[in-house]
Amino acid sequence: MDFFKFSDDEIYAIAQPIMVTMKQGTNEKDYMLFSTHFSTQFKALVDETKFYSQVETNIPLLGLLTDQEYLGLIRRESGVSVIYKKNVGEESRVIGSAVYRYGR
């Protein structure tokens, strides 16, 4: 799929359900839910062992993901990055952004 032909709104509509299931899967410590939209190749990069290691480390340290804010897109020759700001815990501490690249 050539995402360079899509509008920003169309790309956001594709990315948003992915982000929702990743957030829910992380908070519920559920790898199957977290990886629902992943390709086989991406599942090999972010496997269950890596997922549970990160979840078991980060949730006690930072708290659950509380919300995420869509910031925009960055289009590059190598792909499109969809950028979100994510907040965790009761204090809504910002821990960074999630970047997803879709190549040609």
Protein backbone atom coordinates (compact mmCIF):
# COMPACT_ATOMS: atom_id res chain seq x y z
CA MET A 1 0.00 0.00 0.00
CA ASP A 2 1.44 3.38 -0.99
CA PHE A 3 0.57 5.68 1.89
CA PHE A 4 2.02 8.66 0.04
CA LYS A 5 -1.18 8.74 -2.01
CA PHE A 6 -3.35 9.13 1.11
CA SER A 7 -4.38 12.39 2.73
CA ASP A 8 -3.35 13.15 6.31
CA ASP A 9 -6.90 12.40 7.47
CA GLU A 10 -6.90 9.03 5.70
CA ILE A 11 -3.59 8.05 7.29
CA TYR A 12 -4.85 9.15 10.73
CA ALA A 13 -7.97 6.99 10.22
CA ILE A 14 -5.71 3.99 9.61
CA ALA A 15 -3.33 4.73 12.50
CA GLN A 16 -5.90 5.56 15.19
CA PRO A 17 -7.34 2.03 15.66
CA ILE A 18 -3.79 0.69 15.85
CA MET A 19 -2.93 3.13 18.63
CA VAL A 20 -6.14 2.35 20.53
CA THR A 21 -5.51 -1.41 20.55
CA MET A 22 -1.83 -0.94 21.42
CA LYS A 23 -2.77 1.26 24.41
CA GLN A 24 -5.48 -1.14 25.56
CA GLY A 25 -3.21 -4.17 25.10
CA THR A 26 -0.43 -2.50 27.06
CA ASN A 27 -2.69 -1.52 29.95
CA GLU A 28 -4.26 -4.99 30.06
CA LYS A 29 -0.87 -6.73 29.61
CA ASP A 30 -2.34 -8.56 26.62
CA TYR A 31 0.14 -9.19 23.81
CA MET A 32 -2.48 -10.59 21.42
CA LEU A 33 -4.54 -7.40 21.71
CA PHE A 34 -1.45 -5.17 21.60
CA SER A 35 -0.23 -6.80 18.39
CA THR A 36 -3.63 -7.14 16.66
CA HIS A 37 -2.66 -4.93 13.72
CA PHE A 38 1.00 -5.99 13.45
CA SER A 39 2.43 -7.68 10.39
CA THR A 40 4.29 -10.96 10.82
CA GLN A 41 7.54 -9.06 10.28
CA PHE A 42 6.74 -6.53 13.01
CA LYS A 43 5.62 -9.26 15.42
CA ALA A 44 9.08 -10.79 14.98
CA LEU A 45 10.63 -7.46 16.05
CA VAL A 46 8.26 -6.91 18.97
CA ASP A 47 7.64 -10.42 20.21
CA GLU A 48 5.83 -11.53 23.37
CA THR A 49 9.02 -11.73 25.42
CA LYS A 50 9.99 -8.14 24.60
CA PHE A 51 6.43 -6.93 25.15
CA TYR A 52 6.06 -8.49 28.60
CA SER A 53 9.53 -7.33 29.62
CA GLN A 54 8.65 -3.73 28.76
CA VAL A 55 5.19 -3.91 30.35
CA GLU A 56 6.48 -5.45 33.58
CA THR A 57 9.16 -2.75 33.82
CA ASN A 58 7.24 0.33 32.72
CA ILE A 59 3.77 -0.02 34.25
CA PRO A 60 5.00 -0.29 37.87
CA LEU A 61 7.51 2.51 37.25
CA LEU A 62 5.33 4.94 35.28
CA GLY A 63 1.73 3.78 35.55
CA LEU A 64 -0.89 2.94 32.93
CA LEU A 65 -1.24 4.81 29.66
CA THR A 66 -3.98 7.33 30.35
CA ASP A 67 -4.39 9.10 27.04
CA GLN A 68 -2.66 9.97 23.84
CA GLU A 69 -2.80 13.03 21.64
CA TYR A 70 -2.35 12.93 17.89
CA LEU A 71 0.28 15.52 16.93
CA GLY A 72 0.54 15.06 13.19
CA LEU A 73 2.41 13.41 10.37
CA ILE A 74 5.89 13.64 8.98
CA ARG A 75 6.27 12.54 5.39
CA ARG A 76 9.71 11.37 4.32
CA GLU A 77 11.06 9.51 1.33
CA SER A 78 11.36 6.38 3.49
CA GLY A 79 7.79 6.46 4.79
CA VAL A 80 5.19 8.33 6.79
CA SER A 81 5.53 8.81 10.55
CA VAL A 82 2.37 9.21 12.62
CA ILE A 83 3.26 10.99 15.84
CA TYR A 84 1.42 10.84 19.17
CA LYS A 85 2.15 12.25 22.60
CA LYS A 86 1.39 9.66 25.28
CA ASN A 87 0.62 10.33 28.93
CA VAL A 88 0.96 7.85 31.76
CA GLY A 89 -0.07 7.58 35.39
CA GLU A 90 -2.18 9.79 37.55
CA GLU A 91 0.05 12.82 37.02
CA SER A 92 -0.21 12.60 33.21
CA ARG A 93 3.54 12.63 32.78
CA VAL A 94 4.58 12.80 29.15
CA ILE A 95 6.85 9.92 28.19
CA GLY A 96 7.38 10.74 24.54
CA SER A 97 5.83 10.00 21.21
CA ALA A 98 5.02 6.92 19.22
CA VAL A 99 6.24 6.98 15.64
CA TYR A 100 4.97 4.57 13.00
CA ARG A 101 6.52 4.32 9.58
CA TYR A 102 4.68 3.00 6.59
CA GLY A 103 6.90 2.47 3.60
CA ARG A 104 6.12 2.13 -0.06
